[in-house]
Amino acid sequence: MLYRPFKLGDRLQVTAPTGLETGMVESLTLGYTLLKTDDNRRVVVPTASWPAKPHQPDRERPAYNLLSADRISYDSDIDKARGILLDLAGKHPKAKEVCGCPLTQLSSSGVVLTLMCGALML
């Protein structure tokens, strides 16, 4: 129960309800691990949900973060739109790390998905 294949300060990648999340281990307890994402959000991961060996991306942070906010209508398929954005980002030659694509805003005209990825310096 006390064994963890990572420590404070490590960068980990986990699957969360918002999609794939990448962050730095900020806190470790017996019940959960707290990750701080590149956009300063906190992701709480219960200890029981950890895989045997979590994915640890490159320890070096990307040169800079790219954020792309895309508004889609309420009648659109959000999961399909998120999948398309993540797929495009993963194929981009400058993308070093795709951090996620959470729903970040609700408005009268639709929802906003924010694609987050780290990119290499141009």
PDB file of N, CA and C in Angstrom:
ATOM      1  N   MET A   1       0.810  -1.181   0.000  1.00  0.00           N
ATOM      2  CA  MET A   1       0.000   0.000   0.000  1.00  0.00           C
ATOM      3  C   MET A   1       0.866   1.263   0.000  1.00  0.00           C
ATOM      4  N   LEU A   2       2.032   1.219   0.598  1.00  0.00           N
ATOM      5  CA  LEU A   2       2.886   2.399   0.664  1.00  0.00           C
ATOM      6  C   LEU A   2       3.773   2.550  -0.563  1.00  0.00           C
ATOM      7  N   TYR A   3       3.882   1.510  -1.392  1.00  0.00           N
ATOM      8  CA  TYR A   3       4.735   1.567  -2.576  1.00  0.00           C
ATOM      9  C   TYR A   3       4.100   2.418  -3.674  1.00  0.00           C
ATOM     10  N   ARG A   4       4.867   3.351  -4.215  1.00  0.00           N
ATOM     11  CA  ARG A   4       4.420   4.129  -5.367  1.00  0.00           C
ATOM     12  C   ARG A   4       5.614   4.212  -6.327  1.00  0.00           C
ATOM     13  N   PRO A   5       5.413   3.958  -7.594  1.00  0.00           N
ATOM     14  CA  PRO A   5       6.519   4.015  -8.545  1.00  0.00           C
ATOM     15  C   PRO A   5       6.835   5.447  -8.981  1.00  0.00           C
ATOM     16  N   PHE A   6       6.448   6.439  -8.192  1.00  0.00           N
ATOM     17  CA  PHE A   6       6.714   7.842  -8.500  1.00  0.00           C
ATOM     18  C   PHE A   6       6.841   8.597  -7.179  1.00  0.00           C
ATOM     19  N   LYS A   7       7.314   9.842  -7.258  1.00  0.00           N
ATOM     20  CA  LYS A   7       7.526  10.639  -6.042  1.00  0.00           C
ATOM     21  C   LYS A   7       7.099  12.089  -6.288  1.00  0.00           C
ATOM     22  N   LEU A   8       7.135  12.896  -5.257  1.00  0.00           N
ATOM     23  CA  LEU A   8       6.806  14.307  -5.385  1.00  0.00           C
ATOM     24  C   LEU A   8       7.667  14.939  -6.480  1.00  0.00           C
ATOM     25  N   GLY A   9       7.054  15.761  -7.308  1.00  0.00           N
ATOM     26  CA  GLY A   9       7.785  16.445  -8.371  1.00  0.00           C
ATOM     27  C   GLY A   9       7.814  15.702  -9.690  1.00  0.00           C
ATOM     28  N   ASP A  10       7.475  14.403  -9.712  1.00  0.00           N
ATOM     29  CA  ASP A  10       7.445  13.647 -10.972  1.00  0.00           C
ATOM     30  C   ASP A  10       6.278  14.112 -11.832  1.00  0.00           C
ATOM     31  N   ARG A  11       6.455  14.039 -13.146  1.00  0.00           N
ATOM     32  CA  ARG A  11       5.365  14.326 -14.082  1.00  0.00           C
ATOM     33  C   ARG A  11       4.714  13.004 -14.469  1.00  0.00           C
ATOM     34  N   LEU A  12       3.381  12.950 -14.332  1.00  0.00           N
ATOM     35  CA  LEU A  12       2.627  11.743 -14.642  1.00  0.00           C
ATOM     36  C   LEU A  12       1.510  12.061 -15.619  1.00  0.00           C
ATOM     37  N   GLN A  13       1.071  11.040 -16.304  1.00  0.00           N
ATOM     38  CA  GLN A  13      -0.049  11.160 -17.230  1.00  0.00           C
ATOM     39  C   GLN A  13      -1.103  10.148 -16.794  1.00  0.00           C
ATOM     40  N   VAL A  14      -2.335  10.644 -16.561  1.00  0.00           N
ATOM     41  CA  VAL A  14      -3.416   9.787 -16.084  1.00  0.00           C
ATOM     42  C   VAL A  14      -4.667  10.006 -16.930  1.00  0.00           C
ATOM     43  N   THR A  15      -5.546   9.023 -16.940  1.00  0.00           N
ATOM     44  CA  THR A  15      -6.831   9.166 -17.598  1.00  0.00           C
ATOM     45  C   THR A  15      -7.843   9.600 -16.550  1.00  0.00           C
ATOM     46  N   ALA A  16      -8.466  10.750 -16.803  1.00  0.00           N
ATOM     47  CA  ALA A  16      -9.452  11.319 -15.882  1.00  0.00           C
ATOM     48  C   ALA A  16     -10.759  11.525 -16.638  1.00  0.00           C
ATOM     49  N   PRO A  17     -11.847  11.858 -15.944  1.00  0.00           N
ATOM     50  CA  PRO A  17     -13.109  12.117 -16.640  1.00  0.00           C
ATOM     51  C   PRO A  17     -13.003  13.208 -17.699  1.00  0.00           C
ATOM     52  N   THR A  18     -12.072  14.140 -17.529  1.00  0.00           N
ATOM     53  CA  THR A  18     -11.880  15.217 -18.504  1.00  0.00           C
ATOM     54  C   THR A  18     -11.013  14.794 -19.677  1.00  0.00           C
ATOM     55  N   GLY A  19     -10.497  13.573 -19.648  1.00  0.00           N
ATOM     56  CA  GLY A  19      -9.606  13.093 -20.706  1.00  0.00           C
ATOM     57  C   GLY A  19      -8.227  12.805 -20.149  1.00  0.00           C
ATOM     58  N   LEU A  20      -7.255  12.779 -21.002  1.00  0.00           N
ATOM     59  CA  LEU A  20      -5.877  12.517 -20.597  1.00  0.00           C
ATOM     60  C   LEU A  20      -5.332  13.753 -19.897  1.00  0.00           C
ATOM     61  N   GLU A  21      -4.857  13.601 -18.683  1.00  0.00           N
ATOM     62  CA  GLU A  21      -4.317  14.711 -17.901  1.00  0.00           C
ATOM     63  C   GLU A  21      -2.846  14.451 -17.615  1.00  0.00           C
ATOM     64  N   THR A  22      -2.032  15.485 -17.736  1.00  0.00           N
ATOM     65  CA  THR A  22      -0.614  15.409 -17.415  1.00  0.00           C
ATOM     66  C   THR A  22      -0.310  16.459 -16.368  1.00  0.00           C
ATOM     67  N   GLY A  23       0.428  16.073 -15.337  1.00  0.00           N
ATOM     68  CA  GLY A  23       0.746  17.042 -14.305  1.00  0.00           C
ATOM     69  C   GLY A  23       1.872  16.570 -13.410  1.00  0.00           C
ATOM     70  N   MET A  24       2.277  17.476 -12.518  1.00  0.00           N
ATOM     71  CA  MET A  24       3.349  17.203 -11.580  1.00  0.00           C
ATOM     72  C   MET A  24       2.737  16.735 -10.260  1.00  0.00           C
ATOM     73  N   VAL A  25       3.335  15.708  -9.662  1.00  0.00           N
ATOM     74  CA  VAL A  25       2.849  15.212  -8.375  1.00  0.00           C
ATOM     75  C   VAL A  25       3.124  16.291  -7.336  1.00  0.00           C
ATOM     76  N   GLU A  26       2.031  16.797  -6.757  1.00  0.00           N
ATOM     77  CA  GLU A  26       2.142  17.885  -5.783  1.00  0.00           C
ATOM     78  C   GLU A  26       1.977  17.380  -4.357  1.00  0.00           C
ATOM     79  N   SER A  27       1.202  16.293  -4.198  1.00  0.00           N
ATOM     80  CA  SER A  27       0.935  15.768  -2.864  1.00  0.00           C
ATOM     81  C   SER A  27       0.656  14.269  -2.957  1.00  0.00           C
ATOM     82  N   LEU A  28       1.133  13.530  -1.966  1.00  0.00           N
ATOM     83  CA  LEU A  28       0.896  12.084  -1.884  1.00  0.00           C
ATOM     84  C   LEU A  28       0.315  11.764  -0.508  1.00  0.00           C
ATOM     85  N   THR A  29      -0.801  11.053  -0.472  1.00  0.00           N
ATOM     86  CA  THR A  29      -1.356  10.565   0.792  1.00  0.00           C
ATOM     87  C   THR A  29      -1.713   9.095   0.590  1.00  0.00           C
ATOM     88  N   LEU A  30      -2.152   8.447   1.641  1.00  0.00           N
ATOM     89  CA  LEU A  30      -2.574   7.055   1.505  1.00  0.00           C
ATOM     90  C   LEU A  30      -3.830   6.934   0.656  1.00  0.00           C
ATOM     91  N   GLY A  31      -4.675   7.971   0.633  1.00  0.00           N
ATOM     92  CA  GLY A  31      -5.943   7.898  -0.075  1.00  0.00           C
ATOM     93  C   GLY A  31      -5.936   8.429  -1.493  1.00  0.00           C
ATOM     94  N   TYR A  32      -5.044   9.381  -1.781  1.00  0.00           N
ATOM     95  CA  TYR A  32      -5.044   9.995  -3.114  1.00  0.00           C
ATOM     96  C   TYR A  32      -3.702  10.637  -3.440  1.00  0.00           C
ATOM     97  N   THR A  33      -3.531  10.942  -4.721  1.00  0.00           N
ATOM     98  CA  THR A  33      -2.383  11.699  -5.212  1.00  0.00           C
ATOM     99  C   THR A  33      -2.940  12.949  -5.870  1.00  0.00           C
ATOM    100  N   LEU A  34      -2.319  14.096  -5.621  1.00  0.00           N
ATOM    101  CA  LEU A  34      -2.754  15.357  -6.203  1.00  0.00           C
ATOM    102  C   LEU A  34      -1.757  15.772  -7.281  1.00  0.00           C
ATOM    103  N   LEU A  35      -2.269  15.935  -8.517  1.00  0.00           N
ATOM    104  CA  LEU A  35      -1.438  16.405  -9.629  1.00  0.00           C
ATOM    105  C   LEU A  35      -1.763  17.855  -9.915  1.00  0.00           C
ATOM    106  N   LYS A  36      -0.737  18.650 -10.226  1.00  0.00           N
ATOM    107  CA  LYS A  36      -0.934  20.029 -10.676  1.00  0.00           C
ATOM    108  C   LYS A  36      -0.634  20.048 -12.171  1.00  0.00           C
ATOM    109  N   THR A  37      -1.644  20.401 -12.971  1.00  0.00           N
ATOM    110  CA  THR A  37      -1.488  20.397 -14.423  1.00  0.00           C
ATOM    111  C   THR A  37      -0.723  21.629 -14.888  1.00  0.00           C
ATOM    112  N   ASP A  38      -0.326  21.628 -16.154  1.00  0.00           N
ATOM    113  CA  ASP A  38       0.431  22.752 -16.709  1.00  0.00           C
ATOM    114  C   ASP A  38      -0.364  24.045 -16.724  1.00  0.00           C
ATOM    115  N   ASP A  39      -1.698  23.939 -16.728  1.00  0.00           N
ATOM    116  CA  ASP A  39      -2.529  25.150 -16.697  1.00  0.00           C
ATOM    117  C   ASP A  39      -3.043  25.430 -15.278  1.00  0.00           C
ATOM    118  N   ASN A  40      -2.316  24.939 -14.276  1.00  0.00           N
ATOM    119  CA  ASN A  40      -2.547  25.208 -12.852  1.00  0.00           C
ATOM    120  C   ASN A  40      -3.863  24.675 -12.297  1.00  0.00           C
ATOM    121  N   ARG A  41      -4.412  23.633 -12.900  1.00  0.00           N
ATOM    122  CA  ARG A  41      -5.556  22.954 -12.318  1.00  0.00           C
ATOM    123  C   ARG A  41      -5.041  21.840 -11.413  1.00  0.00           C
ATOM    124  N   ARG A  42      -5.875  21.375 -10.498  1.00  0.00           N
ATOM    125  CA  ARG A  42      -5.522  20.257  -9.634  1.00  0.00           C
ATOM    126  C   ARG A  42      -6.372  19.052 -10.025  1.00  0.00           C
ATOM    127  N   VAL A  43      -5.735  17.896 -10.135  1.00  0.00           N
ATOM    128  CA  VAL A  43      -6.427  16.652 -10.450  1.00  0.00           C
ATOM    129  C   VAL A  43      -6.177  15.696  -9.282  1.00  0.00           C
ATOM    130  N   VAL A  44      -7.253  15.250  -8.648  1.00  0.00           N
ATOM    131  CA  VAL A  44      -7.160  14.318  -7.532  1.00  0.00           C
ATOM    132  C   VAL A  44      -7.338  12.904  -8.081  1.00  0.00           C
ATOM    133  N   VAL A  45      -6.349  12.049  -7.833  1.00  0.00           N
ATOM    134  CA  VAL A  45      -6.394  10.668  -8.317  1.00  0.00           C
ATOM    135  C   VAL A  45      -6.427   9.739  -7.103  1.00  0.00           C
ATOM    136  N   PRO A  46      -7.548   9.034  -6.891  1.00  0.00           N
ATOM    137  CA  PRO A  46      -7.613   8.099  -5.762  1.00  0.00           C
ATOM    138  C   PRO A  46      -6.548   7.010  -5.892  1.00  0.00           C
ATOM    139  N   THR A  47      -5.947   6.640  -4.780  1.00  0.00           N
ATOM    140  CA  THR A  47      -4.895   5.628  -4.773  1.00  0.00           C
ATOM    141  C   THR A  47      -5.374   4.318  -5.392  1.00  0.00           C
ATOM    142  N   ALA A  48      -6.615   3.944  -5.125  1.00  0.00           N
ATOM    143  CA  ALA A  48      -7.142   2.671  -5.630  1.00  0.00           C
ATOM    144  C   ALA A  48      -7.240   2.637  -7.150  1.00  0.00           C
ATOM    145  N   SER A  49      -7.252   3.786  -7.810  1.00  0.00           N
ATOM    146  CA  SER A  49      -7.428   3.796  -9.265  1.00  0.00           C
ATOM    147  C   SER A  49      -6.114   3.794 -10.045  1.00  0.00           C
ATOM    148  N   TRP A  50      -4.974   3.807  -9.349  1.00  0.00           N
ATOM    149  CA  TRP A  50      -3.695   3.814 -10.064  1.00  0.00           C
ATOM    150  C   TRP A  50      -3.427   2.484 -10.741  1.00  0.00           C
ATOM    151  N   PRO A  51      -2.910   2.521 -11.975  1.00  0.00           N
ATOM    152  CA  PRO A  51      -2.442   1.275 -12.595  1.00  0.00           C
ATOM    153  C   PRO A  51      -1.156   0.824 -11.911  1.00  0.00           C
ATOM    154  N   ALA A  52      -0.708  -0.365 -12.224  1.00  0.00           N
ATOM    155  CA  ALA A  52       0.522  -0.876 -11.607  1.00  0.00           C
ATOM    156  C   ALA A  52       1.705   0.045 -11.878  1.00  0.00           C
ATOM    157  N   LYS A  53       1.777   0.607 -13.071  1.00  0.00           N
ATOM    158  CA  LYS A  53       2.869   1.529 -13.404  1.00  0.00           C
ATOM    159  C   LYS A  53       2.295   2.669 -14.244  1.00  0.00           C
ATOM    160  N   PRO A  54       2.115   3.853 -13.652  1.00  0.00           N
ATOM    161  CA  PRO A  54       1.576   4.975 -14.420  1.00  0.00           C
ATOM    162  C   PRO A  54       2.573   5.452 -15.463  1.00  0.00           C
ATOM    163  N   HIS A  55       2.056   6.076 -16.510  1.00  0.00           N
ATOM    164  CA  HIS A  55       2.912   6.596 -17.578  1.00  0.00           C
ATOM    165  C   HIS A  55       3.607   7.859 -17.101  1.00  0.00           C
ATOM    166  N   GLN A  56       4.919   7.924 -17.305  1.00  0.00           N
ATOM    167  CA  GLN A  56       5.675   9.107 -16.954  1.00  0.00           C
ATOM    168  C   GLN A  56       6.245   9.705 -18.237  1.00  0.00           C
ATOM    169  N   PRO A  57       5.673  10.828 -18.703  1.00  0.00           N
ATOM    170  CA  PRO A  57       6.193  11.462 -19.913  1.00  0.00           C
ATOM    171  C   PRO A  57       7.571  12.046 -19.656  1.00  0.00           C
ATOM    172  N   ASP A  58       8.187  12.593 -20.684  1.00  0.00           N
ATOM    173  CA  ASP A  58       9.503  13.199 -20.531  1.00  0.00           C
ATOM    174  C   ASP A  58       9.525  14.105 -19.307  1.00  0.00           C
ATOM    175  N   ARG A  59      10.613  14.046 -18.565  1.00  0.00           N
ATOM    176  CA  ARG A  59      10.715  14.884 -17.371  1.00  0.00           C
ATOM    177  C   ARG A  59      10.834  16.367 -17.730  1.00  0.00           C
ATOM    178  N   GLU A  60      11.375  16.671 -18.888  1.00  0.00           N
ATOM    179  CA  GLU A  60      11.480  18.068 -19.291  1.00  0.00           C
ATOM    180  C   GLU A  60      10.131  18.564 -19.753  1.00  0.00           C
ATOM    181  N   ARG A  61       9.768  19.738 -19.315  1.00  0.00           N
ATOM    182  CA  ARG A  61       8.513  20.327 -19.752  1.00  0.00           C
ATOM    183  C   ARG A  61       8.661  20.798 -21.181  1.00  0.00           C
ATOM    184  N   PRO A  62       7.565  20.841 -21.909  1.00  0.00           N
ATOM    185  CA  PRO A  62       7.625  21.384 -23.255  1.00  0.00           C
ATOM    186  C   PRO A  62       8.112  22.830 -23.228  1.00  0.00           C
ATOM    187  N   ALA A  63       8.596  23.301 -24.349  1.00  0.00           N
ATOM    188  CA  ALA A  63       9.125  24.653 -24.433  1.00  0.00           C
ATOM    189  C   ALA A  63       8.046  25.689 -24.128  1.00  0.00           C
ATOM    190  N   TYR A  64       6.837  25.487 -24.558  1.00  0.00           N
ATOM    191  CA  TYR A  64       5.723  26.359 -24.213  1.00  0.00           C
ATOM    192  C   TYR A  64       4.414  25.616 -24.415  1.00  0.00           C
ATOM    193  N   ASN A  65       3.359  26.157 -23.848  1.00  0.00           N
ATOM    194  CA  ASN A  65       2.055  25.504 -23.936  1.00  0.00           C
ATOM    195  C   ASN A  65       1.200  26.183 -24.990  1.00  0.00           C
ATOM    196  N   LEU A  66       0.490  25.395 -25.758  1.00  0.00           N
ATOM    197  CA  LEU A  66      -0.467  25.906 -26.731  1.00  0.00           C
ATOM    198  C   LEU A  66      -1.864  25.619 -26.212  1.00  0.00           C
ATOM    199  N   LEU A  67      -2.701  26.622 -26.251  1.00  0.00           N
ATOM    200  CA  LEU A  67      -4.095  26.439 -25.875  1.00  0.00           C
ATOM    201  C   LEU A  67      -4.941  26.858 -27.063  1.00  0.00           C
ATOM    202  N   SER A  68      -5.883  26.050 -27.420  1.00  0.00           N
ATOM    203  CA  SER A  68      -6.796  26.354 -28.519  1.00  0.00           C
ATOM    204  C   SER A  68      -8.213  26.168 -28.015  1.00  0.00           C
ATOM    205  N   ALA A  69      -8.987  27.257 -27.987  1.00  0.00           N
ATOM    206  CA  ALA A  69     -10.371  27.179 -27.534  1.00  0.00           C
ATOM    207  C   ALA A  69     -11.275  27.076 -28.754  1.00  0.00           C
ATOM    208  N   ASP A  70     -12.060  26.026 -28.805  1.00  0.00           N
ATOM    209  CA  ASP A  70     -12.944  25.792 -29.934  1.00  0.00           C
ATOM    210  C   ASP A  70     -14.381  25.679 -29.440  1.00  0.00           C
ATOM    211  N   ARG A  71     -15.248  26.567 -29.962  1.00  0.00           N
ATOM    212  CA  ARG A  71     -16.663  26.571 -29.569  1.00  0.00           C
ATOM    213  C   ARG A  71     -17.452  25.665 -30.508  1.00  0.00           C
ATOM    214  N   ILE A  72     -18.274  24.816 -29.922  1.00  0.00           N
ATOM    215  CA  ILE A  72     -19.155  23.962 -30.717  1.00  0.00           C
ATOM    216  C   ILE A  72     -20.578  24.111 -30.182  1.00  0.00           C
ATOM    217  N   SER A  73     -21.553  23.832 -31.005  1.00  0.00           N
ATOM    218  CA  SER A  73     -22.949  23.995 -30.597  1.00  0.00           C
ATOM    219  C   SER A  73     -23.370  22.879 -29.642  1.00  0.00           C
ATOM    220  N   TYR A  74     -24.436  23.141 -28.914  1.00  0.00           N
ATOM    221  CA  TYR A  74     -24.940  22.162 -27.952  1.00  0.00           C
ATOM    222  C   TYR A  74     -25.417  20.875 -28.614  1.00  0.00           C
ATOM    223  N   ASP A  75     -25.829  20.937 -29.862  1.00  0.00           N
ATOM    224  CA  ASP A  75     -26.310  19.726 -30.517  1.00  0.00           C
ATOM    225  C   ASP A  75     -25.188  18.908 -31.155  1.00  0.00           C
ATOM    226  N   SER A  76     -23.938  19.367 -31.020  1.00  0.00           N
ATOM    227  CA  SER A  76     -22.786  18.622 -31.538  1.00  0.00           C
ATOM    228  C   SER A  76     -22.416  17.479 -30.594  1.00  0.00           C
ATOM    229  N   ASP A  77     -21.724  16.493 -31.126  1.00  0.00           N
ATOM    230  CA  ASP A  77     -21.231  15.372 -30.329  1.00  0.00           C
ATOM    231  C   ASP A  77     -19.902  15.801 -29.691  1.00  0.00           C
ATOM    232  N   ILE A  78     -19.938  16.117 -28.409  1.00  0.00           N
ATOM    233  CA  ILE A  78     -18.755  16.641 -27.705  1.00  0.00           C
ATOM    234  C   ILE A  78     -17.618  15.636 -27.710  1.00  0.00           C
ATOM    235  N   ASP A  79     -17.910  14.368 -27.458  1.00  0.00           N
ATOM    236  CA  ASP A  79     -16.848  13.351 -27.431  1.00  0.00           C
ATOM    237  C   ASP A  79     -16.189  13.202 -28.796  1.00  0.00           C
ATOM    238  N   LYS A  80     -16.983  13.280 -29.857  1.00  0.00           N
ATOM    239  CA  LYS A  80     -16.428  13.180 -31.205  1.00  0.00           C
ATOM    240  C   LYS A  80     -15.553  14.394 -31.513  1.00  0.00           C
ATOM    241  N   ALA A  81     -16.028  15.591 -31.150  1.00  0.00           N
ATOM    242  CA  ALA A  81     -15.245  16.809 -31.377  1.00  0.00           C
ATOM    243  C   ALA A  81     -13.933  16.762 -30.597  1.00  0.00           C
ATOM    244  N   ARG A  82     -13.996  16.312 -29.329  1.00  0.00           N
ATOM    245  CA  ARG A  82     -12.786  16.194 -28.510  1.00  0.00           C
ATOM    246  C   ARG A  82     -11.815  15.197 -29.150  1.00  0.00           C
ATOM    247  N   GLY A  83     -12.334  14.076 -29.628  1.00  0.00           N
ATOM    248  CA  GLY A  83     -11.487  13.069 -30.264  1.00  0.00           C
ATOM    249  C   GLY A  83     -10.781  13.602 -31.503  1.00  0.00           C
ATOM    250  N   ILE A  84     -11.503  14.380 -32.303  1.00  0.00           N
ATOM    251  CA  ILE A  84     -10.903  14.973 -33.512  1.00  0.00           C
ATOM    252  C   ILE A  84      -9.788  15.935 -33.130  1.00  0.00           C
ATOM    253  N   LEU A  85     -10.043  16.799 -32.134  1.00  0.00           N
ATOM    254  CA  LEU A  85      -9.023  17.763 -31.707  1.00  0.00           C
ATOM    255  C   LEU A  85      -7.789  17.056 -31.159  1.00  0.00           C
ATOM    256  N   LEU A  86      -7.991  16.043 -30.329  1.00  0.00           N
ATOM    257  CA  LEU A  86      -6.852  15.309 -29.760  1.00  0.00           C
ATOM    258  C   LEU A  86      -6.070  14.578 -30.843  1.00  0.00           C
ATOM    259  N   ASP A  87      -6.777  14.006 -31.800  1.00  0.00           N
ATOM    260  CA  ASP A  87      -6.120  13.304 -32.903  1.00  0.00           C
ATOM    261  C   ASP A  87      -5.277  14.266 -33.739  1.00  0.00           C
ATOM    262  N   LEU A  88      -5.840  15.422 -34.074  1.00  0.00           N
ATOM    263  CA  LEU A  88      -5.093  16.416 -34.856  1.00  0.00           C
ATOM    264  C   LEU A  88      -3.866  16.910 -34.109  1.00  0.00           C
ATOM    265  N   ALA A  89      -4.028  17.168 -32.816  1.00  0.00           N
ATOM    266  CA  ALA A  89      -2.886  17.639 -32.021  1.00  0.00           C
ATOM    267  C   ALA A  89      -1.795  16.578 -31.950  1.00  0.00           C
ATOM    268  N   GLY A  90      -2.193  15.324 -31.788  1.00  0.00           N
ATOM    269  CA  GLY A  90      -1.214  14.238 -31.707  1.00  0.00           C
ATOM    270  C   GLY A  90      -0.418  14.041 -32.978  1.00  0.00           C
ATOM    271  N   LYS A  91      -0.992  14.432 -34.106  1.00  0.00           N
ATOM    272  CA  LYS A  91      -0.313  14.282 -35.393  1.00  0.00           C
ATOM    273  C   LYS A  91       0.493  15.514 -35.797  1.00  0.00           C
ATOM    274  N   HIS A  92       0.355  16.606 -35.059  1.00  0.00           N
ATOM    275  CA  HIS A  92       1.049  17.839 -35.426  1.00  0.00           C
ATOM    276  C   HIS A  92       2.545  17.676 -35.183  1.00  0.00           C
ATOM    277  N   PRO A  93       3.386  18.044 -36.158  1.00  0.00           N
ATOM    278  CA  PRO A  93       4.827  17.817 -36.021  1.00  0.00           C
ATOM    279  C   PRO A  93       5.488  18.617 -34.900  1.00  0.00           C
ATOM    280  N   LYS A  94       4.910  19.719 -34.474  1.00  0.00           N
ATOM    281  CA  LYS A  94       5.506  20.533 -33.412  1.00  0.00           C
ATOM    282  C   LYS A  94       5.007  20.140 -32.020  1.00  0.00           C
ATOM    283  N   ALA A  95       3.973  19.315 -31.946  1.00  0.00           N
ATOM    284  CA  ALA A  95       3.413  18.935 -30.645  1.00  0.00           C
ATOM    285  C   ALA A  95       4.328  17.929 -29.961  1.00  0.00           C
ATOM    286  N   LYS A  96       4.749  18.259 -28.769  1.00  0.00           N
ATOM    287  CA  LYS A  96       5.601  17.356 -28.004  1.00  0.00           C
ATOM    288  C   LYS A  96       4.762  16.504 -27.059  1.00  0.00           C
ATOM    289  N   GLU A  97       3.696  17.102 -26.510  1.00  0.00           N
ATOM    290  CA  GLU A  97       2.881  16.402 -25.528  1.00  0.00           C
ATOM    291  C   GLU A  97       1.456  16.953 -25.590  1.00  0.00           C
ATOM    292  N   VAL A  98       0.486  16.088 -25.772  1.00  0.00           N
ATOM    293  CA  VAL A  98      -0.921  16.497 -25.739  1.00  0.00           C
ATOM    294  C   VAL A  98      -1.391  16.334 -24.302  1.00  0.00           C
ATOM    295  N   CYS A  99      -1.831  17.434 -23.684  1.00  0.00           N
ATOM    296  CA  CYS A  99      -2.165  17.430 -22.260  1.00  0.00           C
ATOM    297  C   CYS A  99      -3.630  17.145 -21.974  1.00  0.00           C
ATOM    298  N   GLY A 100      -4.513  17.401 -22.926  1.00  0.00           N
ATOM    299  CA  GLY A 100      -5.930  17.145 -22.700  1.00  0.00           C
ATOM    300  C   GLY A 100      -6.802  18.097 -23.484  1.00  0.00           C
ATOM    301  N   CYS A 101      -8.094  17.888 -23.380  1.00  0.00           N
ATOM    302  CA  CYS A 101      -9.059  18.721 -24.103  1.00  0.00           C
ATOM    303  C   CYS A 101     -10.359  18.792 -23.294  1.00  0.00           C
ATOM    304  N   PRO A 102     -10.319  19.483 -22.133  1.00  0.00           N
ATOM    305  CA  PRO A 102     -11.511  19.541 -21.298  1.00  0.00           C
ATOM    306  C   PRO A 102     -12.549  20.536 -21.816  1.00  0.00           C
ATOM    307  N   LEU A 103     -13.781  20.342 -21.395  1.00  0.00           N
ATOM    308  CA  LEU A 103     -14.837  21.311 -21.640  1.00  0.00           C
ATOM    309  C   LEU A 103     -14.610  22.425 -20.622  1.00  0.00           C
ATOM    310  N   THR A 104     -14.370  23.649 -21.089  1.00  0.00           N
ATOM    311  CA  THR A 104     -13.983  24.727 -20.182  1.00  0.00           C
ATOM    312  C   THR A 104     -14.999  25.839 -20.038  1.00  0.00           C
ATOM    313  N   GLN A 105     -16.038  25.841 -20.877  1.00  0.00           N
ATOM    314  CA  GLN A 105     -17.000  26.937 -20.784  1.00  0.00           C
ATOM    315  C   GLN A 105     -18.343  26.531 -21.380  1.00  0.00           C
ATOM    316  N   LEU A 106     -19.403  27.012 -20.755  1.00  0.00           N
ATOM    317  CA  LEU A 106     -20.749  26.868 -21.280  1.00  0.00           C
ATOM    318  C   LEU A 106     -21.261  28.271 -21.586  1.00  0.00           C
ATOM    319  N   SER A 107     -21.842  28.465 -22.756  1.00  0.00           N
ATOM    320  CA  SER A 107     -22.391  29.772 -23.094  1.00  0.00           C
ATOM    321  C   SER A 107     -23.745  29.580 -23.768  1.00  0.00           C
ATOM    322  N   SER A 108     -24.387  30.670 -24.094  1.00  0.00           N
ATOM    323  CA  SER A 108     -25.698  30.574 -24.737  1.00  0.00           C
ATOM    324  C   SER A 108     -25.596  29.992 -26.141  1.00  0.00           C
ATOM    325  N   SER A 109     -24.431  30.108 -26.772  1.00  0.00           N
ATOM    326  CA  SER A 109     -24.281  29.621 -28.147  1.00  0.00           C
ATOM    327  C   SER A 109     -23.625  28.247 -28.261  1.00  0.00           C
ATOM    328  N   GLY A 110     -23.147  27.700 -27.155  1.00  0.00           N
ATOM    329  CA  GLY A 110     -22.517  26.385 -27.217  1.00  0.00           C
ATOM    330  C   GLY A 110     -21.522  26.167 -26.098  1.00  0.00           C
ATOM    331  N   VAL A 111     -20.675  25.165 -26.271  1.00  0.00           N
ATOM    332  CA  VAL A 111     -19.652  24.830 -25.285  1.00  0.00           C
ATOM    333  C   VAL A 111     -18.274  25.090 -25.885  1.00  0.00           C
ATOM    334  N   VAL A 112     -17.301  25.289 -25.007  1.00  0.00           N
ATOM    335  CA  VAL A 112     -15.929  25.518 -25.451  1.00  0.00           C
ATOM    336  C   VAL A 112     -15.062  24.360 -24.987  1.00  0.00           C
ATOM    337  N   LEU A 113     -14.388  23.719 -25.930  1.00  0.00           N
ATOM    338  CA  LEU A 113     -13.380  22.707 -25.632  1.00  0.00           C
ATOM    339  C   LEU A 113     -12.018  23.386 -25.760  1.00  0.00           C
ATOM    340  N   THR A 114     -11.155  23.207 -24.777  1.00  0.00           N
ATOM    341  CA  THR A 114      -9.839  23.831 -24.828  1.00  0.00           C
ATOM    342  C   THR A 114      -8.787  22.747 -25.004  1.00  0.00           C
ATOM    343  N   LEU A 115      -8.156  22.737 -26.149  1.00  0.00           N
ATOM    344  CA  LEU A 115      -7.089  21.785 -26.458  1.00  0.00           C
ATOM    345  C   LEU A 115      -5.807  22.315 -25.846  1.00  0.00           C
ATOM    346  N   MET A 116      -5.143  21.487 -25.053  1.00  0.00           N
ATOM    347  CA  MET A 116      -3.908  21.898 -24.392  1.00  0.00           C
ATOM    348  C   MET A 116      -2.780  20.963 -24.803  1.00  0.00           C
ATOM    349  N   CYS A 117      -1.709  21.541 -25.301  1.00  0.00           N
ATOM    350  CA  CYS A 117      -0.552  20.705 -25.620  1.00  0.00           C
ATOM    351  C   CYS A 117       0.713  21.516 -25.484  1.00  0.00           C
ATOM    352  N   GLY A 118       1.794  20.821 -25.206  1.00  0.00           N
ATOM    353  CA  GLY A 118       3.110  21.432 -25.153  1.00  0.00           C
ATOM    354  C   GLY A 118       3.726  21.304 -26.523  1.00  0.00           C
ATOM    355  N   ALA A 119       4.479  22.319 -26.920  1.00  0.00           N
ATOM    356  CA  ALA A 119       5.059  22.307 -28.266  1.00  0.00           C
ATOM    357  C   ALA A 119       6.548  22.610 -28.194  1.00  0.00           C
ATOM    358  N   LEU A 120       7.234  22.176 -29.215  1.00  0.00           N
ATOM    359  CA  LEU A 120       8.655  22.470 -29.340  1.00  0.00           C
ATOM    360  C   LEU A 120       8.836  23.916 -29.762  1.00  0.00           C
ATOM    361  N   MET A 121       9.960  24.505 -29.405  1.00  0.00           N
ATOM    362  CA  MET A 121      10.245  25.878 -29.832  1.00  0.00           C
ATOM    363  C   MET A 121      10.309  25.925 -31.348  1.00  0.00           C
ATOM    364  N   LEU A 122       9.788  26.972 -31.932  1.00  0.00           N
ATOM    365  CA  LEU A 122       9.828  27.141 -33.383  1.00  0.00           C
ATOM    366  C   LEU A 122      11.188  27.620 -33.821  1.00  0.00           C
TER     367      LEU A 122
END
